[in-house]
Amino acid sequence: MNNRWFILLPALFGVSCSTNMNSALVVSKMVLGTLTTSAGPPPTSYCSYDPGATEFDFAQIDPTANTGGTMGVVVENNLTDTSTVNSILRTNSATFHPHQVVADYQETQPGGITVTQQIIPTAGSVPAGGSGAVLVPFFAPIPATLLTGIIRVTFHIEGVLDDGSNVRTSKREYIFVTCSTSGCNSTCL
């Protein structure tokens, strides 16, 4: 009888740590950053990622000038703000806090290589009923020089809600195309 408990306990522990896909957390689009320069002094440049910007069908990346391939992944949080439901506690537990992206990379040409289950650390916050751009450096875990041609990236974002629930977004595919001409990629990519 005791042997059954030793088998059951690890199984229950494994299930309790799993991440549940939540259909209310949707990756709606991918946006490129916009370079902004402030006059200073000293003059500084930074990239901003607008969730309302137009999505690009694919992004070109120059492997020799790779700076991480950061894209703004727009996540729509369709969960209801729970602060209006419970008048006693008046807290919102539906804010999404992403902590990592799980991505698979695949070269689409015949004989192309596939790199799976790459963990990319990220951070941010997407409020309940809103949307936000989560910055993801897609070519930080693997060098862009490892892959060439048309690269399909399939990914989802994992994180937690304010109540401690482990959740993940819907899956999304995006295309990156390597280019060899100097300046062919976005300055914020």
C-alpha atoms as a PDB file:
ATOM      1  CA  MET A   1       0.000   0.000   0.000  1.00  0.00           C
ATOM      2  CA  ASN A   2       2.851   2.435   0.793  1.00  0.00           C
ATOM      3  CA  ASN A   3       4.427   1.889  -2.629  1.00  0.00           C
ATOM      4  CA  ARG A   4       1.316   3.268  -4.298  1.00  0.00           C
ATOM      5  CA  TRP A   5       1.657   6.542  -2.373  1.00  0.00           C
ATOM      6  CA  PHE A   6       5.270   6.905  -3.525  1.00  0.00           C
ATOM      7  CA  ILE A   7       4.077   6.566  -7.107  1.00  0.00           C
ATOM      8  CA  LEU A   8       1.081   8.873  -6.684  1.00  0.00           C
ATOM      9  CA  LEU A   9       2.871  11.723  -4.912  1.00  0.00           C
ATOM     10  CA  PRO A  10       5.418  12.492  -7.691  1.00  0.00           C
ATOM     11  CA  ALA A  11       2.624  12.338 -10.261  1.00  0.00           C
ATOM     12  CA  LEU A  12       0.525  14.834  -8.310  1.00  0.00           C
ATOM     13  CA  PHE A  13       3.528  17.077  -7.774  1.00  0.00           C
ATOM     14  CA  GLY A  14       4.264  17.112 -11.513  1.00  0.00           C
ATOM     15  CA  VAL A  15       0.687  18.035 -12.391  1.00  0.00           C
ATOM     16  CA  SER A  16       0.570  20.816  -9.788  1.00  0.00           C
ATOM     17  CA  CYS A  17       3.571  22.573 -11.353  1.00  0.00           C
ATOM     18  CA  SER A  18       2.268  22.519 -14.912  1.00  0.00           C
ATOM     19  CA  THR A  19       1.527  25.673 -16.836  1.00  0.00           C
ATOM     20  CA  ASN A  20      -2.010  26.011 -18.165  1.00  0.00           C
ATOM     21  CA  MET A  21      -2.742  27.651 -21.500  1.00  0.00           C
ATOM     22  CA  ASN A  22      -5.268  30.396 -20.984  1.00  0.00           C
ATOM     23  CA  SER A  23      -7.343  31.269 -24.055  1.00  0.00           C
ATOM     24  CA  ALA A  24      -7.873  34.775 -22.642  1.00  0.00           C
ATOM     25  CA  LEU A  25      -4.163  35.570 -23.128  1.00  0.00           C
ATOM     26  CA  VAL A  26      -3.689  36.019 -26.865  1.00  0.00           C
ATOM     27  CA  VAL A  27      -0.557  36.928 -28.806  1.00  0.00           C
ATOM     28  CA  SER A  28      -2.217  39.243 -31.302  1.00  0.00           C
ATOM     29  CA  LYS A  29       0.705  40.632 -33.325  1.00  0.00           C
ATOM     30  CA  MET A  30       4.421  41.398 -33.529  1.00  0.00           C
ATOM     31  CA  VAL A  31       5.720  44.965 -33.799  1.00  0.00           C
ATOM     32  CA  LEU A  32       9.117  46.407 -34.609  1.00  0.00           C
ATOM     33  CA  GLY A  33      10.618  49.090 -32.419  1.00  0.00           C
ATOM     34  CA  THR A  34      10.860  52.740 -33.412  1.00  0.00           C
ATOM     35  CA  LEU A  35      14.187  54.481 -32.791  1.00  0.00           C
ATOM     36  CA  THR A  36      13.849  57.755 -30.900  1.00  0.00           C
ATOM     37  CA  THR A  37      16.718  60.141 -30.189  1.00  0.00           C
ATOM     38  CA  SER A  38      16.551  62.795 -27.492  1.00  0.00           C
ATOM     39  CA  ALA A  39      18.755  65.857 -27.946  1.00  0.00           C
ATOM     40  CA  GLY A  40      20.235  65.639 -24.473  1.00  0.00           C
ATOM     41  CA  PRO A  41      22.739  66.645 -23.260  1.00  0.00           C
ATOM     42  CA  PRO A  42      24.050  64.033 -23.784  1.00  0.00           C
ATOM     43  CA  PRO A  43      22.062  62.816 -26.795  1.00  0.00           C
ATOM     44  CA  THR A  44      20.585  59.351 -26.234  1.00  0.00           C
ATOM     45  CA  SER A  45      18.766  56.914 -28.485  1.00  0.00           C
ATOM     46  CA  TYR A  46      16.252  54.277 -27.451  1.00  0.00           C
ATOM     47  CA  CYS A  47      13.673  52.009 -29.048  1.00  0.00           C
ATOM     48  CA  SER A  48       9.984  52.162 -28.192  1.00  0.00           C
ATOM     49  CA  TYR A  49       7.447  49.446 -28.978  1.00  0.00           C
ATOM     50  CA  ASP A  50       3.880  50.629 -29.576  1.00  0.00           C
ATOM     51  CA  PRO A  51       1.184  47.918 -29.134  1.00  0.00           C
ATOM     52  CA  GLY A  52      -1.009  49.885 -31.562  1.00  0.00           C
ATOM     53  CA  ALA A  53       1.595  49.844 -34.346  1.00  0.00           C
ATOM     54  CA  THR A  54       1.075  47.929 -37.573  1.00  0.00           C
ATOM     55  CA  GLU A  55       2.309  44.344 -37.641  1.00  0.00           C
ATOM     56  CA  PHE A  56       5.019  43.418 -40.118  1.00  0.00           C
ATOM     57  CA  ASP A  57       4.593  40.170 -42.055  1.00  0.00           C
ATOM     58  CA  PHE A  58       8.226  39.238 -41.436  1.00  0.00           C
ATOM     59  CA  ALA A  59      11.356  40.859 -40.045  1.00  0.00           C
ATOM     60  CA  GLN A  60      14.726  40.945 -41.767  1.00  0.00           C
ATOM     61  CA  ILE A  61      17.732  40.281 -39.549  1.00  0.00           C
ATOM     62  CA  ASP A  62      21.397  40.708 -40.424  1.00  0.00           C
ATOM     63  CA  PRO A  63      23.322  37.922 -38.622  1.00  0.00           C
ATOM     64  CA  THR A  64      26.576  39.927 -38.634  1.00  0.00           C
ATOM     65  CA  ALA A  65      24.931  42.964 -36.981  1.00  0.00           C
ATOM     66  CA  ASN A  66      22.717  40.946 -34.654  1.00  0.00           C
ATOM     67  CA  THR A  67      21.756  42.785 -31.472  1.00  0.00           C
ATOM     68  CA  GLY A  68      19.386  40.133 -30.154  1.00  0.00           C
ATOM     69  CA  GLY A  69      16.471  40.406 -32.584  1.00  0.00           C
ATOM     70  CA  THR A  70      14.173  42.138 -30.100  1.00  0.00           C
ATOM     71  CA  MET A  71      10.530  42.331 -31.157  1.00  0.00           C
ATOM     72  CA  GLY A  72       7.500  43.653 -29.327  1.00  0.00           C
ATOM     73  CA  VAL A  73       5.106  40.740 -28.854  1.00  0.00           C
ATOM     74  CA  VAL A  74       1.668  42.261 -28.294  1.00  0.00           C
ATOM     75  CA  VAL A  75      -0.341  40.271 -25.745  1.00  0.00           C
ATOM     76  CA  GLU A  76      -4.054  40.923 -25.287  1.00  0.00           C
ATOM     77  CA  ASN A  77      -5.229  40.119 -21.765  1.00  0.00           C
ATOM     78  CA  ASN A  78      -8.950  39.362 -22.109  1.00  0.00           C
ATOM     79  CA  LEU A  79      -9.360  38.381 -18.457  1.00  0.00           C
ATOM     80  CA  THR A  80     -11.939  40.334 -16.469  1.00  0.00           C
ATOM     81  CA  ASP A  81     -10.774  42.773 -13.794  1.00  0.00           C
ATOM     82  CA  THR A  82     -11.814  40.979 -10.615  1.00  0.00           C
ATOM     83  CA  SER A  83     -11.736  44.058  -8.367  1.00  0.00           C
ATOM     84  CA  THR A  84     -15.336  44.906  -9.348  1.00  0.00           C
ATOM     85  CA  VAL A  85     -16.582  41.375  -8.617  1.00  0.00           C
ATOM     86  CA  ASN A  86     -15.445  41.113  -4.994  1.00  0.00           C
ATOM     87  CA  SER A  87     -16.472  44.227  -3.068  1.00  0.00           C
ATOM     88  CA  ILE A  88     -14.756  43.067   0.140  1.00  0.00           C
ATOM     89  CA  LEU A  89     -11.208  42.440  -1.116  1.00  0.00           C
ATOM     90  CA  ARG A  90     -11.331  44.884  -4.056  1.00  0.00           C
ATOM     91  CA  THR A  91      -8.211  43.471  -5.674  1.00  0.00           C
ATOM     92  CA  ASN A  92      -7.402  42.610  -9.248  1.00  0.00           C
ATOM     93  CA  SER A  93      -5.783  39.196  -9.677  1.00  0.00           C
ATOM     94  CA  ALA A  94      -5.877  39.059 -13.478  1.00  0.00           C
ATOM     95  CA  THR A  95      -2.768  41.086 -14.399  1.00  0.00           C
ATOM     96  CA  PHE A  96      -0.391  38.932 -16.485  1.00  0.00           C
ATOM     97  CA  HIS A  97       3.330  39.012 -15.610  1.00  0.00           C
ATOM     98  CA  PRO A  98       5.384  37.198 -18.289  1.00  0.00           C
ATOM     99  CA  HIS A  99       8.702  35.685 -17.233  1.00  0.00           C
ATOM    100  CA  GLN A 100       9.829  33.544 -20.184  1.00  0.00           C
ATOM    101  CA  VAL A 101       9.225  32.677 -23.805  1.00  0.00           C
ATOM    102  CA  VAL A 102       9.495  29.087 -25.076  1.00  0.00           C
ATOM    103  CA  ALA A 103      10.473  29.127 -28.755  1.00  0.00           C
ATOM    104  CA  ASP A 104      11.187  26.616 -31.528  1.00  0.00           C
ATOM    105  CA  TYR A 105      13.282  27.730 -34.522  1.00  0.00           C
ATOM    106  CA  GLN A 106      13.090  26.053 -37.919  1.00  0.00           C
ATOM    107  CA  GLU A 107      14.832  26.791 -41.200  1.00  0.00           C
ATOM    108  CA  THR A 108      12.187  26.323 -43.886  1.00  0.00           C
ATOM    109  CA  GLN A 109      14.487  25.258 -46.721  1.00  0.00           C
ATOM    110  CA  PRO A 110      14.996  21.514 -47.385  1.00  0.00           C
ATOM    111  CA  GLY A 111      17.604  20.084 -45.023  1.00  0.00           C
ATOM    112  CA  GLY A 112      17.292  23.071 -42.697  1.00  0.00           C
ATOM    113  CA  ILE A 113      18.032  22.663 -39.029  1.00  0.00           C
ATOM    114  CA  THR A 114      15.544  22.872 -36.161  1.00  0.00           C
ATOM    115  CA  VAL A 115      16.336  24.183 -32.689  1.00  0.00           C
ATOM    116  CA  THR A 116      13.615  23.444 -30.131  1.00  0.00           C
ATOM    117  CA  GLN A 117      12.559  24.464 -26.647  1.00  0.00           C
ATOM    118  CA  GLN A 118      14.691  27.592 -26.295  1.00  0.00           C
ATOM    119  CA  ILE A 119      13.928  29.493 -23.072  1.00  0.00           C
ATOM    120  CA  ILE A 120      14.135  33.273 -23.432  1.00  0.00           C
ATOM    121  CA  PRO A 121      13.857  35.346 -20.234  1.00  0.00           C
ATOM    122  CA  THR A 122      11.513  38.319 -20.447  1.00  0.00           C
ATOM    123  CA  ALA A 123       9.563  40.591 -18.143  1.00  0.00           C
ATOM    124  CA  GLY A 124       6.658  42.977 -18.212  1.00  0.00           C
ATOM    125  CA  SER A 125       3.071  43.382 -17.194  1.00  0.00           C
ATOM    126  CA  VAL A 126      -0.191  43.254 -19.134  1.00  0.00           C
ATOM    127  CA  PRO A 127      -3.218  44.583 -17.223  1.00  0.00           C
ATOM    128  CA  ALA A 128      -6.581  42.808 -17.203  1.00  0.00           C
ATOM    129  CA  GLY A 129      -8.721  43.955 -20.108  1.00  0.00           C
ATOM    130  CA  GLY A 130      -5.743  45.593 -21.823  1.00  0.00           C
ATOM    131  CA  SER A 131      -2.835  44.862 -24.090  1.00  0.00           C
ATOM    132  CA  GLY A 132       0.887  45.447 -23.929  1.00  0.00           C
ATOM    133  CA  ALA A 133       4.090  44.806 -25.812  1.00  0.00           C
ATOM    134  CA  VAL A 134       6.342  42.212 -24.192  1.00  0.00           C
ATOM    135  CA  LEU A 135       9.916  42.694 -25.402  1.00  0.00           C
ATOM    136  CA  VAL A 136      11.440  39.419 -26.568  1.00  0.00           C
ATOM    137  CA  PRO A 137      15.061  39.107 -27.796  1.00  0.00           C
ATOM    138  CA  PHE A 138      14.454  36.183 -30.174  1.00  0.00           C
ATOM    139  CA  PHE A 139      18.111  35.794 -31.153  1.00  0.00           C
ATOM    140  CA  ALA A 140      19.639  36.132 -27.695  1.00  0.00           C
ATOM    141  CA  PRO A 141      19.590  32.420 -26.723  1.00  0.00           C
ATOM    142  CA  ILE A 142      20.960  31.259 -30.064  1.00  0.00           C
ATOM    143  CA  PRO A 143      23.234  33.196 -32.427  1.00  0.00           C
ATOM    144  CA  ALA A 144      21.559  34.457 -35.586  1.00  0.00           C
ATOM    145  CA  THR A 145      24.553  33.127 -37.554  1.00  0.00           C
ATOM    146  CA  LEU A 146      23.454  29.567 -36.662  1.00  0.00           C
ATOM    147  CA  LEU A 147      20.361  29.848 -38.883  1.00  0.00           C
ATOM    148  CA  THR A 148      20.080  31.171 -42.447  1.00  0.00           C
ATOM    149  CA  GLY A 149      17.371  31.915 -44.991  1.00  0.00           C
ATOM    150  CA  ILE A 150      13.759  31.903 -43.880  1.00  0.00           C
ATOM    151  CA  ILE A 151      13.403  31.078 -40.173  1.00  0.00           C
ATOM    152  CA  ARG A 152      10.037  30.123 -38.690  1.00  0.00           C
ATOM    153  CA  VAL A 153       9.781  30.784 -34.955  1.00  0.00           C
ATOM    154  CA  THR A 154       6.886  29.138 -33.080  1.00  0.00           C
ATOM    155  CA  PHE A 155       6.524  30.361 -29.516  1.00  0.00           C
ATOM    156  CA  HIS A 156       4.327  31.022 -26.503  1.00  0.00           C
ATOM    157  CA  ILE A 157       4.855  33.193 -23.435  1.00  0.00           C
ATOM    158  CA  GLU A 158       4.694  31.792 -19.904  1.00  0.00           C
ATOM    159  CA  GLY A 159       4.054  33.809 -16.780  1.00  0.00           C
ATOM    160  CA  VAL A 160       1.917  34.231 -13.695  1.00  0.00           C
ATOM    161  CA  LEU A 161      -1.218  36.097 -12.727  1.00  0.00           C
ATOM    162  CA  ASP A 162      -1.392  38.206  -9.564  1.00  0.00           C
ATOM    163  CA  ASP A 163      -3.088  35.308  -7.767  1.00  0.00           C
ATOM    164  CA  GLY A 164      -0.045  33.080  -8.432  1.00  0.00           C
ATOM    165  CA  SER A 165      -1.569  30.961 -11.225  1.00  0.00           C
ATOM    166  CA  ASN A 166       0.939  29.721 -13.810  1.00  0.00           C
ATOM    167  CA  VAL A 167      -0.430  30.514 -17.280  1.00  0.00           C
ATOM    168  CA  ARG A 168       0.731  30.790 -20.867  1.00  0.00           C
ATOM    169  CA  THR A 169      -0.456  32.592 -23.965  1.00  0.00           C
ATOM    170  CA  SER A 170      -1.672  31.180 -27.242  1.00  0.00           C
ATOM    171  CA  LYS A 171       0.972  29.887 -29.670  1.00  0.00           C
ATOM    172  CA  ARG A 172       2.189  32.154 -32.429  1.00  0.00           C
ATOM    173  CA  GLU A 173       4.361  31.724 -35.509  1.00  0.00           C
ATOM    174  CA  TYR A 174       6.524  34.471 -36.934  1.00  0.00           C
ATOM    175  CA  ILE A 175       8.966  34.599 -39.847  1.00  0.00           C
ATOM    176  CA  PHE A 176      12.459  36.068 -39.757  1.00  0.00           C
ATOM    177  CA  VAL A 177      14.495  36.371 -42.971  1.00  0.00           C
ATOM    178  CA  THR A 178      18.274  36.651 -42.814  1.00  0.00           C
ATOM    179  CA  CYS A 179      19.844  39.246 -45.060  1.00  0.00           C
ATOM    180  CA  SER A 180      23.476  40.025 -45.835  1.00  0.00           C
ATOM    181  CA  THR A 181      23.271  43.626 -47.018  1.00  0.00           C
ATOM    182  CA  SER A 182      24.530  46.154 -44.495  1.00  0.00           C
ATOM    183  CA  GLY A 183      21.634  48.085 -42.969  1.00  0.00           C
ATOM    184  CA  CYS A 184      18.970  45.690 -44.271  1.00  0.00           C
ATOM    185  CA  ASN A 185      17.423  45.163 -40.838  1.00  0.00           C
ATOM    186  CA  SER A 186      15.580  47.559 -38.544  1.00  0.00           C
ATOM    187  CA  THR A 187      17.761  49.597 -36.190  1.00  0.00           C
ATOM    188  CA  CYS A 188      15.716  48.325 -33.235  1.00  0.00           C
ATOM    189  CA  LEU A 189      15.965  44.661 -34.226  1.00  0.00           C
END
